[in-house]
Amino acid sequence: MPSHVESPPMNRRRFLQSVAAGAAASVLPWGSLMGETSAAPARRPNILLIVADDLGYGELSCQGCKDIPTPHIDSIAAAGVRFTQGYVSAPLCSPSRAGLATGRYQQRFGHEFNPGHEAAAGFGLPRSETMLSERLKGMGYATGMVGKWHLGFKEGLTPTHRGFDEFFGFLAGAHPYIPGQGAAILRGEKPIVEKEYLTDAFAREATAFIDNHHDHPFFLYVPFNAVHSPLQSVQKYMARFPNLKDKRRIYAGMTAAMDDAVGAMLGRLRKHSLEEDTLVFFISDNGGPTPHTTSSNVPLRGFKGHVWEGGIRLPFMMQWKNHLPAGAVCREPAISLDIHPTAVAAAGKAIDPAWKLDGVNLLPYLKGENAAAPHETLYWRMGDNKYAVRHGDWKMLIEEGHPAPGLFNLAKDIGEKNDLSADKPAKLKELQGLYRAWDAQLAKPRWAAGRRKARKTL
């Protein structure tokens, strides 16, 4: 039984009551989330994958935020499972998305960094890797994407060449929200003139996709650029926050717009009676860049770009009504790499070991078919001088401002304030060995900081 369990398992009667009534949140062990499994779905579920951009760990109401209500995003947690130790595989946008899309550590295929202007020619998720969109399209799903791509600019590497039937959004790593600023938005591969606030436009397009494909299993990927810079909002959203000022008020408006967009998508599922037939994921691509915006990663240390918890640990939740319990809180580590195999398995396809996925299908853990934690060990690497390994409750890292290997017990020290490397040399050595073995499997970065320097001794 996982060490982070805070209450006893639900019995079957309580589980059925909680699902039927939308019971108040309860904290459950991994092996007891489902009790006895519910009946198989009548159809293959739709998959709705929503990704926020630069949303910090502490910036949702359900994560403790006090001044910016996020009722629609919170409703995913209230109707499903919230992971308090949800991670991504990189603290930056593009490599994080590469891991999410493939279910594999992106360092295995050299997608280790954001591209940078000088490396744009070689940038892109290689065709040798299979994306979730390509797997689901091959299973007969209608596939659509609305939002930020950041996985390749060249022909053959853009969304409509990587498994998406429909695409509305932009290819770069950031985009203005106000109409008439920045590069054009694309519909498919054709530039268009967009006249709405960009988050509103994404809501419009995402709900239209649901309307157009509600009678057939679909995969809809909605990676918002909110709440990434530039800080731009409009009065109808900022007016909700008269007591906030300056950057915080703009940021609040951006968050409210994204929350409304999520609410619009969830409302459209309800309109078409699809809530029980749709597996919904919500996650951020990395932690908040607190030095540049007002986003908060409280109570974590660090921010976007760091392998401190503040860069890699973030809001992560999933909903599948009447198939997952309402209001469950899971305290074992899960990672964005798990979304790919979980979605494929939910769609009815067995995970082939030949795919060499690093993520795991979470459904057996949620259904009580596997009482272990999904991951004993997780890894991060962004170059020679920024890396980490988590093994159980222990974490070792090298990071800016901490050039010697540090060791932290996350169960007792979520803020990574107390370096125990001198007190626990055997544990430090164990984690260093785990990291070296993983690191030896990886490819060299294909762009940006691709020239490898001599390694520091682990």
Protein backbone atom coordinates (compact mmCIF):
# COMPACT_ATOMS: atom_id res chain seq x y z
CA MET A 1 0.00 0.00 0.00
CA PRO A 2 1.45 3.42 -0.91
CA SER A 3 3.00 5.37 1.95
CA HIS A 4 1.03 8.54 1.15
CA VAL A 5 -2.41 7.04 1.88
CA GLU A 6 -4.41 9.31 4.18
CA SER A 7 -7.68 7.39 4.48
CA PRO A 8 -8.86 3.77 4.21
CA PRO A 9 -10.06 2.35 0.88
CA MET A 10 -13.61 2.92 -0.26
CA ASN A 11 -15.85 -0.09 -0.08
CA ARG A 12 -18.02 -0.80 -3.10
CA ARG A 13 -21.15 0.76 -1.63
CA ARG A 14 -19.39 4.02 -0.77
CA PHE A 15 -17.73 4.11 -4.21
CA LEU A 16 -21.04 3.73 -6.03
CA GLN A 17 -22.62 6.38 -3.83
CA SER A 18 -19.77 8.80 -4.49
CA VAL A 19 -19.96 8.31 -8.24
CA ALA A 20 -23.73 8.72 -8.30
CA ALA A 21 -23.82 11.78 -6.08
CA GLY A 22 -20.52 13.48 -6.94
CA ALA A 23 -19.28 13.04 -3.38
CA ALA A 24 -16.93 15.43 -1.63
CA ALA A 25 -13.22 14.91 -2.22
CA SER A 26 -11.56 11.95 -0.50
CA VAL A 27 -7.94 10.91 -0.44
CA LEU A 28 -7.51 7.36 -1.69
CA PRO A 29 -4.66 4.91 -2.21
CA TRP A 30 -3.74 4.04 -5.78
CA GLY A 31 -4.84 0.43 -5.41
CA SER A 32 -8.30 1.36 -4.17
CA LEU A 33 -9.51 4.13 -6.44
CA MET A 34 -11.99 2.04 -8.34
CA GLY A 35 -12.81 -0.86 -6.02
CA GLU A 36 -14.65 -3.24 -8.35
CA THR A 37 -14.57 -1.90 -11.88
CA SER A 38 -17.65 -0.42 -13.48
CA ALA A 39 -19.18 -1.79 -16.65
CA ALA A 40 -17.22 -1.40 -19.86
CA PRO A 41 -18.12 1.70 -21.88
CA ALA A 42 -20.65 1.26 -24.65
CA ARG A 43 -18.28 2.95 -27.09
CA ARG A 44 -14.62 3.76 -27.23
CA PRO A 45 -14.12 6.91 -25.19
CA ASN A 46 -13.28 10.26 -26.63
CA ILE A 47 -9.97 11.66 -25.43
CA LEU A 48 -9.78 15.35 -24.51
CA LEU A 49 -6.26 16.48 -23.60
CA ILE A 50 -6.02 20.05 -22.27
CA VAL A 51 -2.60 21.60 -21.65
CA ALA A 52 -1.99 24.95 -19.96
CA ASP A 53 1.22 26.85 -20.71
CA ASP A 54 3.44 27.99 -17.82
CA LEU A 55 0.69 27.43 -15.23
CA GLY A 56 2.31 27.17 -11.80
CA TYR A 57 1.58 24.54 -9.18
CA GLY A 58 -0.31 26.95 -6.93
CA GLU A 59 -2.42 28.82 -9.50
CA LEU A 60 -5.74 26.93 -9.43
CA SER A 61 -8.40 27.10 -6.73
CA CYS A 62 -8.14 23.35 -6.23
CA GLN A 63 -4.37 23.79 -5.76
CA GLY A 64 -4.76 26.47 -3.12
CA CYS A 65 -5.01 29.72 -5.10
CA LYS A 66 -7.11 32.29 -3.21
CA ASP A 67 -7.49 35.26 -5.55
CA ILE A 68 -8.24 33.72 -8.98
CA PRO A 69 -11.25 31.35 -9.06
CA THR A 70 -10.96 28.52 -11.59
CA PRO A 71 -14.29 26.69 -11.19
CA HIS A 72 -14.30 24.90 -14.55
CA ILE A 73 -10.79 23.48 -14.29
CA ASP A 74 -11.48 22.64 -10.65
CA SER A 75 -14.54 20.68 -11.77
CA ILE A 76 -12.27 18.16 -13.52
CA ALA A 77 -10.66 17.40 -10.17
CA ALA A 78 -14.04 17.37 -8.41
CA ALA A 79 -15.43 14.90 -10.94
CA GLY A 80 -12.29 12.77 -11.17
CA VAL A 81 -8.75 12.32 -9.89
CA ARG A 82 -6.26 15.04 -8.88
CA PHE A 83 -2.58 14.13 -8.63
CA THR A 84 -0.71 16.09 -5.96
CA GLN A 85 2.60 14.78 -7.30
CA GLY A 86 2.01 15.23 -11.01
CA TYR A 87 5.16 15.83 -13.06
CA VAL A 88 6.28 16.64 -16.59
CA SER A 89 9.45 15.27 -18.16
CA ALA A 90 11.04 18.70 -18.75
CA PRO A 91 10.74 22.19 -17.24
CA LEU A 92 10.48 23.87 -20.67
CA CYS A 93 7.77 23.99 -23.30
CA SER A 94 8.98 22.05 -26.34
CA PRO A 95 10.76 19.09 -24.69
CA SER A 96 7.87 18.72 -22.25
CA ARG A 97 5.43 18.49 -25.17
CA ALA A 98 7.66 15.99 -26.97
CA GLY A 99 7.55 13.67 -23.96
CA LEU A 100 3.80 14.16 -23.56
CA ALA A 101 3.13 13.36 -27.23
CA THR A 102 5.28 10.24 -27.41
CA GLY A 103 5.06 8.75 -23.92
CA ARG A 104 8.88 8.53 -23.98
CA TYR A 105 11.60 10.53 -22.32
CA GLN A 106 12.36 13.06 -25.04
CA GLN A 107 16.10 12.81 -24.37
CA ARG A 108 15.96 9.34 -25.94
CA PHE A 109 15.54 11.03 -29.34
CA GLY A 110 17.49 14.23 -28.76
CA HIS A 111 14.58 16.61 -28.10
CA GLU A 112 16.20 17.99 -24.97
CA PHE A 113 15.85 21.76 -25.33
CA ASN A 114 13.65 24.51 -26.73
CA PRO A 115 14.84 25.18 -30.28
CA GLY A 116 16.36 28.64 -30.19
CA HIS A 117 16.54 30.78 -33.32
CA GLU A 118 19.88 29.45 -34.49
CA ALA A 119 18.70 25.83 -34.33
CA ALA A 120 15.35 26.21 -36.08
CA ALA A 121 16.55 24.43 -39.21
CA GLY A 122 17.05 21.14 -37.35
CA PHE A 123 14.16 21.53 -34.94
CA GLY A 124 11.26 19.11 -34.76
CA LEU A 125 9.99 15.90 -33.25
CA PRO A 126 11.53 13.20 -35.48
CA ARG A 127 9.36 11.00 -37.67
CA SER A 128 10.93 7.96 -36.01
CA GLU A 129 8.78 8.69 -32.95
CA THR A 130 5.06 7.90 -32.93
CA MET A 131 2.79 10.55 -31.47
CA LEU A 132 -0.45 9.91 -29.59
CA SER A 133 -2.38 11.59 -32.39
CA GLU A 134 -0.90 9.14 -34.91
CA ARG A 135 -1.74 6.12 -32.77
CA LEU A 136 -5.34 7.20 -32.21
CA LYS A 137 -5.84 8.21 -35.84
CA GLY A 138 -4.66 4.72 -36.80
CA MET A 139 -7.37 3.34 -34.52
CA GLY A 140 -10.07 5.23 -36.41
CA TYR A 141 -10.36 8.29 -34.18
CA ALA A 142 -11.18 11.71 -35.58
CA THR A 143 -8.25 13.87 -34.48
CA GLY A 144 -8.08 17.61 -33.93
CA MET A 145 -5.70 20.10 -32.40
CA VAL A 146 -6.39 23.66 -31.26
CA GLY A 147 -3.56 25.79 -29.89
CA LYS A 148 0.23 25.88 -29.58
CA TRP A 149 2.34 23.26 -31.42
CA HIS A 150 6.06 23.97 -30.76
CA LEU A 151 7.17 20.58 -32.14
CA GLY A 152 8.40 21.47 -35.64
CA PHE A 153 8.04 24.01 -38.41
CA LYS A 154 9.11 22.16 -41.56
CA GLU A 155 6.81 20.26 -43.90
CA GLY A 156 6.28 16.78 -42.54
CA LEU A 157 6.67 17.95 -38.94
CA THR A 158 3.56 20.12 -38.56
CA PRO A 159 0.26 18.95 -36.99
CA THR A 160 -1.52 17.92 -40.19
CA HIS A 161 1.48 15.71 -41.01
CA ARG A 162 1.59 14.21 -37.51
CA GLY A 163 -1.79 12.56 -37.16
CA PHE A 164 -4.17 15.50 -36.85
CA ASP A 165 -7.08 15.72 -39.29
CA GLU A 166 -7.71 19.32 -38.25
CA PHE A 167 -5.47 22.04 -36.83
CA PHE A 168 -6.16 25.59 -35.68
CA GLY A 169 -3.36 27.44 -33.95
CA PHE A 170 0.27 28.42 -34.30
CA LEU A 171 3.54 26.55 -34.70
CA ALA A 172 5.92 28.64 -32.58
CA GLY A 173 6.55 28.72 -28.85
CA ALA A 174 4.52 31.85 -28.06
CA HIS A 175 1.98 34.14 -29.67
CA PRO A 176 0.21 37.43 -28.80
CA TYR A 177 -3.39 37.17 -27.63
CA ILE A 178 -4.62 40.44 -29.12
CA PRO A 179 -5.80 40.31 -32.77
CA GLY A 180 -3.49 41.84 -35.33
CA GLN A 181 -0.29 41.25 -33.40
CA GLY A 182 2.34 38.67 -34.30
CA ALA A 183 2.29 36.02 -37.00
CA ALA A 184 -0.91 34.72 -38.53
CA ILE A 185 -2.90 31.89 -37.04
CA LEU A 186 -3.13 28.75 -39.18
CA ARG A 187 -6.18 26.71 -40.09
CA GLY A 188 -4.60 23.53 -41.32
CA GLU A 189 -1.66 24.97 -43.24
CA LYS A 190 -3.40 28.13 -44.40
CA PRO A 191 -2.83 31.49 -42.62
CA ILE A 192 -6.01 33.27 -41.56
CA VAL A 193 -6.91 36.58 -39.97
CA GLU A 194 -8.22 35.96 -36.45
CA LYS A 195 -10.35 38.75 -34.94
CA GLU A 196 -11.04 37.38 -31.45
CA TYR A 197 -8.95 37.33 -28.30
CA LEU A 198 -6.88 34.22 -28.92
CA THR A 199 -8.04 32.16 -25.93
CA ASP A 200 -11.64 32.86 -26.94
CA ALA A 201 -10.86 31.79 -30.50
CA PHE A 202 -9.40 28.53 -29.22
CA ALA A 203 -12.57 27.91 -27.18
CA ARG A 204 -14.69 28.56 -30.29
CA GLU A 205 -12.70 26.14 -32.41
CA ALA A 206 -12.50 23.41 -29.77
CA THR A 207 -16.24 23.43 -29.11
CA ALA A 208 -16.92 23.39 -32.86
CA PHE A 209 -14.74 20.29 -33.19
CA ILE A 210 -16.80 18.56 -30.49
CA ASP A 211 -20.02 19.57 -32.25
CA ASN A 212 -18.77 18.23 -35.56
CA HIS A 213 -17.50 14.91 -34.23
CA HIS A 214 -19.73 14.11 -31.27
CA ASP A 215 -21.18 11.01 -32.94
CA HIS A 216 -17.81 9.33 -33.48
CA PRO A 217 -14.83 8.70 -31.13
CA PHE A 218 -12.48 11.68 -31.27
CA PHE A 219 -9.16 12.86 -29.90
CA LEU A 220 -9.04 16.59 -29.24
CA TYR A 221 -5.72 18.12 -28.14
CA VAL A 222 -6.04 21.67 -26.79
CA PRO A 223 -2.66 23.11 -25.76
CA PHE A 224 -3.45 26.71 -24.77
CA ASN A 225 -0.78 29.37 -24.92
CA ALA A 226 -2.36 30.81 -21.76
CA VAL A 227 -0.90 31.76 -19.38
CA HIS A 228 2.44 32.14 -21.19
CA SER A 229 3.76 35.63 -21.88
CA PRO A 230 3.03 38.17 -23.23
CA LEU A 231 0.76 39.30 -20.42
CA GLN A 232 -2.31 40.35 -22.40
CA SER A 233 -5.95 40.23 -21.40
CA VAL A 234 -9.17 42.07 -22.25
CA GLN A 235 -11.51 44.09 -20.11
CA LYS A 236 -14.32 41.53 -19.93
CA TYR A 237 -12.00 39.20 -18.00
CA MET A 238 -10.00 41.75 -16.01
CA ALA A 239 -13.24 43.37 -14.82
CA ARG A 240 -13.84 40.27 -12.67
CA PHE A 241 -10.86 41.23 -10.52
CA PRO A 242 -11.34 44.84 -9.38
CA ASN A 243 -9.26 44.27 -6.24
CA LEU A 244 -6.18 43.06 -8.13
CA LYS A 245 -3.65 45.41 -9.67
CA ASP A 246 -1.16 45.67 -12.49
CA LYS A 247 0.39 42.40 -13.70
CA ARG A 248 -1.62 40.27 -11.31
CA ARG A 249 -4.89 41.62 -12.70
CA ILE A 250 -3.81 40.94 -16.29
CA TYR A 251 -2.64 37.45 -15.35
CA ALA A 252 -5.95 36.81 -13.57
CA GLY A 253 -7.83 37.82 -16.72
CA MET A 254 -5.75 35.41 -18.81
CA THR A 255 -6.43 32.60 -16.35
CA ALA A 256 -10.15 33.36 -16.27
CA ALA A 257 -10.30 33.25 -20.06
CA MET A 258 -8.65 29.83 -20.09
CA ASP A 259 -10.95 28.58 -17.35
CA ASP A 260 -14.00 29.77 -19.31
CA ALA A 261 -12.65 27.98 -22.39
CA VAL A 262 -12.32 24.75 -20.42
CA GLY A 263 -15.86 25.26 -19.16
CA ALA A 264 -17.10 25.70 -22.72
CA MET A 265 -15.55 22.38 -23.76
CA LEU A 266 -16.93 20.54 -20.75
CA GLY A 267 -20.32 22.12 -21.38
CA ARG A 268 -20.28 20.92 -24.95
CA LEU A 269 -19.56 17.37 -23.76
CA ARG A 270 -22.61 17.63 -21.49
CA LYS A 271 -24.75 18.99 -24.34
CA HIS A 272 -23.98 15.91 -26.41
CA SER A 273 -24.26 13.51 -23.43
CA LEU A 274 -20.59 12.62 -23.75
CA GLU A 275 -19.31 13.05 -20.19
CA GLU A 276 -19.34 9.30 -19.48
CA ASP A 277 -17.79 8.63 -22.88
CA THR A 278 -14.89 11.08 -22.60
CA LEU A 279 -11.60 10.73 -20.77
CA VAL A 280 -10.42 14.26 -19.94
CA PHE A 281 -6.85 15.18 -18.97
CA PHE A 282 -5.69 18.57 -17.71
CA ILE A 283 -2.03 19.38 -17.14
CA SER A 284 0.47 22.23 -17.44
CA ASP A 285 3.57 21.91 -19.63
CA ASN A 286 5.93 23.16 -16.88
CA GLY A 287 5.99 25.29 -13.77
CA GLY A 288 5.34 29.00 -13.69
CA PRO A 289 8.11 31.45 -14.69
CA THR A 290 7.74 33.44 -11.50
CA PRO A 291 10.52 35.99 -12.13
CA HIS A 292 8.75 37.20 -15.29
CA THR A 293 5.03 36.89 -14.51
CA THR A 294 2.96 36.70 -11.35
CA SER A 295 2.46 32.93 -11.49
CA SER A 296 3.02 30.99 -8.28
CA ASN A 297 4.57 27.56 -7.67
CA VAL A 298 3.93 27.71 -3.90
CA PRO A 299 4.92 25.71 -1.85
CA LEU A 300 7.57 24.45 -4.26
CA ARG A 301 11.11 25.73 -4.82
CA GLY A 302 12.15 27.07 -8.21
CA PHE A 303 10.29 27.83 -11.42
CA LYS A 304 10.17 27.19 -15.16
CA GLY A 305 13.54 26.00 -16.45
CA HIS A 306 14.52 24.40 -13.13
CA VAL A 307 14.57 20.76 -12.08
CA TRP A 308 13.62 21.96 -8.61
CA GLU A 309 10.03 20.87 -7.97
CA GLY A 310 8.72 24.27 -9.05
CA GLY A 311 9.82 23.65 -12.63
CA ILE A 312 8.54 20.10 -13.08
CA ARG A 313 5.69 19.51 -10.62
CA LEU A 314 2.36 21.06 -11.59
CA PRO A 315 -1.43 20.72 -11.75
CA PHE A 316 -2.42 17.33 -13.20
CA MET A 317 -5.92 15.83 -13.15
CA MET A 318 -8.14 13.49 -15.12
CA GLN A 319 -11.87 12.82 -15.33
CA TRP A 320 -13.88 9.94 -16.75
CA LYS A 321 -17.32 10.09 -15.20
CA ASN A 322 -18.70 6.81 -13.85
CA HIS A 323 -15.37 5.15 -14.61
CA LEU A 324 -13.20 7.06 -12.12
CA PRO A 325 -14.39 8.13 -8.66
CA ALA A 326 -15.36 11.73 -8.05
CA GLY A 327 -13.04 13.89 -5.98
CA ALA A 328 -10.22 11.38 -5.51
CA VAL A 329 -6.78 12.75 -4.58
CA CYS A 330 -3.74 10.62 -5.39
CA ARG A 331 -0.42 11.32 -3.71
CA GLU A 332 1.85 8.91 -5.57
CA PRO A 333 4.00 10.34 -8.39
CA ALA A 334 2.63 10.30 -11.93
CA ILE A 335 4.11 11.97 -15.00
CA SER A 336 2.92 13.43 -18.29
CA LEU A 337 4.52 10.46 -20.08
CA ASP A 338 1.66 8.37 -18.65
CA ILE A 339 -1.00 10.18 -20.67
CA HIS A 340 -0.05 8.53 -23.98
CA PRO A 341 -0.34 4.89 -22.80
CA THR A 342 -3.36 5.64 -20.63
CA ALA A 343 -5.25 7.17 -23.55
CA VAL A 344 -4.31 4.35 -25.93
CA ALA A 345 -5.36 1.71 -23.39
CA ALA A 346 -8.65 3.50 -22.70
CA ALA A 347 -9.28 3.49 -26.44
CA GLY A 348 -8.99 -0.30 -26.41
CA LYS A 349 -5.49 -1.03 -27.70
CA ALA A 350 -2.92 -3.06 -25.79
CA ILE A 351 0.43 -1.36 -25.14
CA ASP A 352 3.08 -3.05 -27.28
CA PRO A 353 6.42 -3.45 -25.44
CA ALA A 354 8.12 -2.77 -28.78
CA TRP A 355 6.98 0.85 -28.47
CA LYS A 356 9.41 1.22 -25.54
CA LEU A 357 7.22 3.70 -23.71
CA ASP A 358 8.49 5.20 -20.47
CA GLY A 359 5.02 6.21 -19.37
CA VAL A 360 2.61 3.66 -17.93
CA ASN A 361 -1.09 3.05 -18.36
CA LEU A 362 -2.59 4.49 -15.19
CA LEU A 363 -5.93 2.69 -15.50
CA PRO A 364 -4.89 -0.56 -13.75
CA TYR A 365 -3.75 1.50 -10.75
CA LEU A 366 -6.97 3.48 -10.75
CA LYS A 367 -9.07 0.31 -11.02
CA GLY A 368 -7.31 -1.50 -8.19
CA GLU A 369 -5.76 -4.08 -10.50
CA ASN A 370 -2.25 -3.04 -9.45
CA ALA A 371 -1.63 -1.93 -5.87
CA ALA A 372 1.92 -0.68 -6.48
CA ALA A 373 2.87 2.91 -7.26
CA PRO A 374 3.01 3.61 -11.01
CA HIS A 375 6.64 4.76 -10.84
CA GLU A 376 9.41 3.94 -8.43
CA THR A 377 11.90 6.20 -10.22
CA LEU A 378 11.59 9.31 -12.42
CA TYR A 379 14.34 11.22 -14.25
CA TRP A 380 15.08 14.65 -15.71
CA ARG A 381 17.97 16.00 -17.78
CA MET A 382 18.54 19.36 -19.47
CA GLY A 383 22.20 19.34 -20.40
CA ASP A 384 25.28 18.41 -18.43
CA ASN A 385 24.66 20.69 -15.46
CA LYS A 386 20.91 20.39 -14.86
CA TYR A 387 19.47 16.99 -14.00
CA ALA A 388 17.58 15.10 -11.31
CA VAL A 389 16.34 11.69 -10.28
CA ARG A 390 13.48 10.89 -7.93
CA HIS A 391 13.43 7.43 -6.31
CA GLY A 392 10.61 6.86 -3.85
CA ASP A 393 10.52 9.93 -1.62
CA TRP A 394 14.16 10.80 -2.33
CA LYS A 395 15.40 13.24 -4.95
CA MET A 396 18.94 14.02 -6.13
CA LEU A 397 19.67 16.99 -8.37
CA ILE A 398 22.23 19.30 -9.91
CA GLU A 399 20.78 22.76 -10.57
CA GLU A 400 21.66 26.42 -10.95
CA GLY A 401 22.91 27.64 -7.60
CA HIS A 402 23.42 24.04 -6.47
CA PRO A 403 26.37 22.67 -8.49
CA ALA A 404 27.14 19.82 -6.09
CA PRO A 405 24.66 16.92 -5.97
CA GLY A 406 21.90 17.71 -3.49
CA LEU A 407 19.67 15.17 -1.77
CA PHE A 408 16.17 15.88 -0.51
CA ASN A 409 13.37 13.90 1.12
CA LEU A 410 10.23 15.19 -0.59
CA ALA A 411 7.86 13.51 1.86
CA LYS A 412 9.28 15.66 4.66
CA ASP A 413 10.58 18.63 2.66
CA ILE A 414 8.36 19.57 -0.28
CA GLY A 415 10.16 22.91 -0.56
CA GLU A 416 13.59 21.26 -1.00
CA LYS A 417 15.15 23.38 1.73
CA ASN A 418 17.18 20.75 3.58
CA ASP A 419 20.04 19.15 1.66
CA LEU A 420 20.71 15.74 3.24
CA SER A 421 23.57 14.69 0.97
CA ALA A 422 26.15 14.90 3.78
CA ASP A 423 23.90 13.00 6.20
CA LYS A 424 22.83 10.26 3.78
CA PRO A 425 25.87 9.43 1.60
CA ALA A 426 24.68 5.88 0.86
CA LYS A 427 21.30 7.15 -0.38
CA LEU A 428 23.02 9.81 -2.48
CA LYS A 429 25.28 7.17 -4.04
CA GLU A 430 22.24 4.97 -4.79
CA LEU A 431 20.45 7.76 -6.66
CA GLN A 432 23.62 8.76 -8.49
CA GLY A 433 23.92 5.19 -9.74
CA LEU A 434 20.33 5.16 -10.92
CA TYR A 435 20.85 8.40 -12.80
CA ARG A 436 24.08 7.24 -14.47
CA ALA A 437 22.40 4.06 -15.72
CA TRP A 438 19.50 6.05 -17.22
CA ASP A 439 21.74 8.77 -18.63
CA ALA A 440 23.80 6.17 -20.50
CA GLN A 441 20.72 5.19 -22.53
CA LEU A 442 20.07 8.67 -23.93
CA ALA A 443 20.85 10.40 -27.20
CA LYS A 444 22.79 13.63 -27.57
CA PRO A 445 20.70 16.80 -27.95
CA ARG A 446 19.95 17.54 -31.60
CA TRP A 447 19.99 21.36 -31.33
CA ALA A 448 20.63 24.37 -29.07
CA ALA A 449 23.06 23.15 -26.39
CA GLY A 450 23.95 20.15 -28.52
CA ARG A 451 27.69 20.29 -27.92
CA ARG A 452 28.37 18.11 -24.94
CA LYS A 453 30.78 19.32 -22.28
CA ALA A 454 32.68 17.18 -19.84
CA ARG A 455 30.31 15.86 -17.20
CA LYS A 456 30.57 16.85 -13.59
CA THR A 457 31.18 13.86 -11.36
CA LEU A 458 27.87 12.51 -10.15
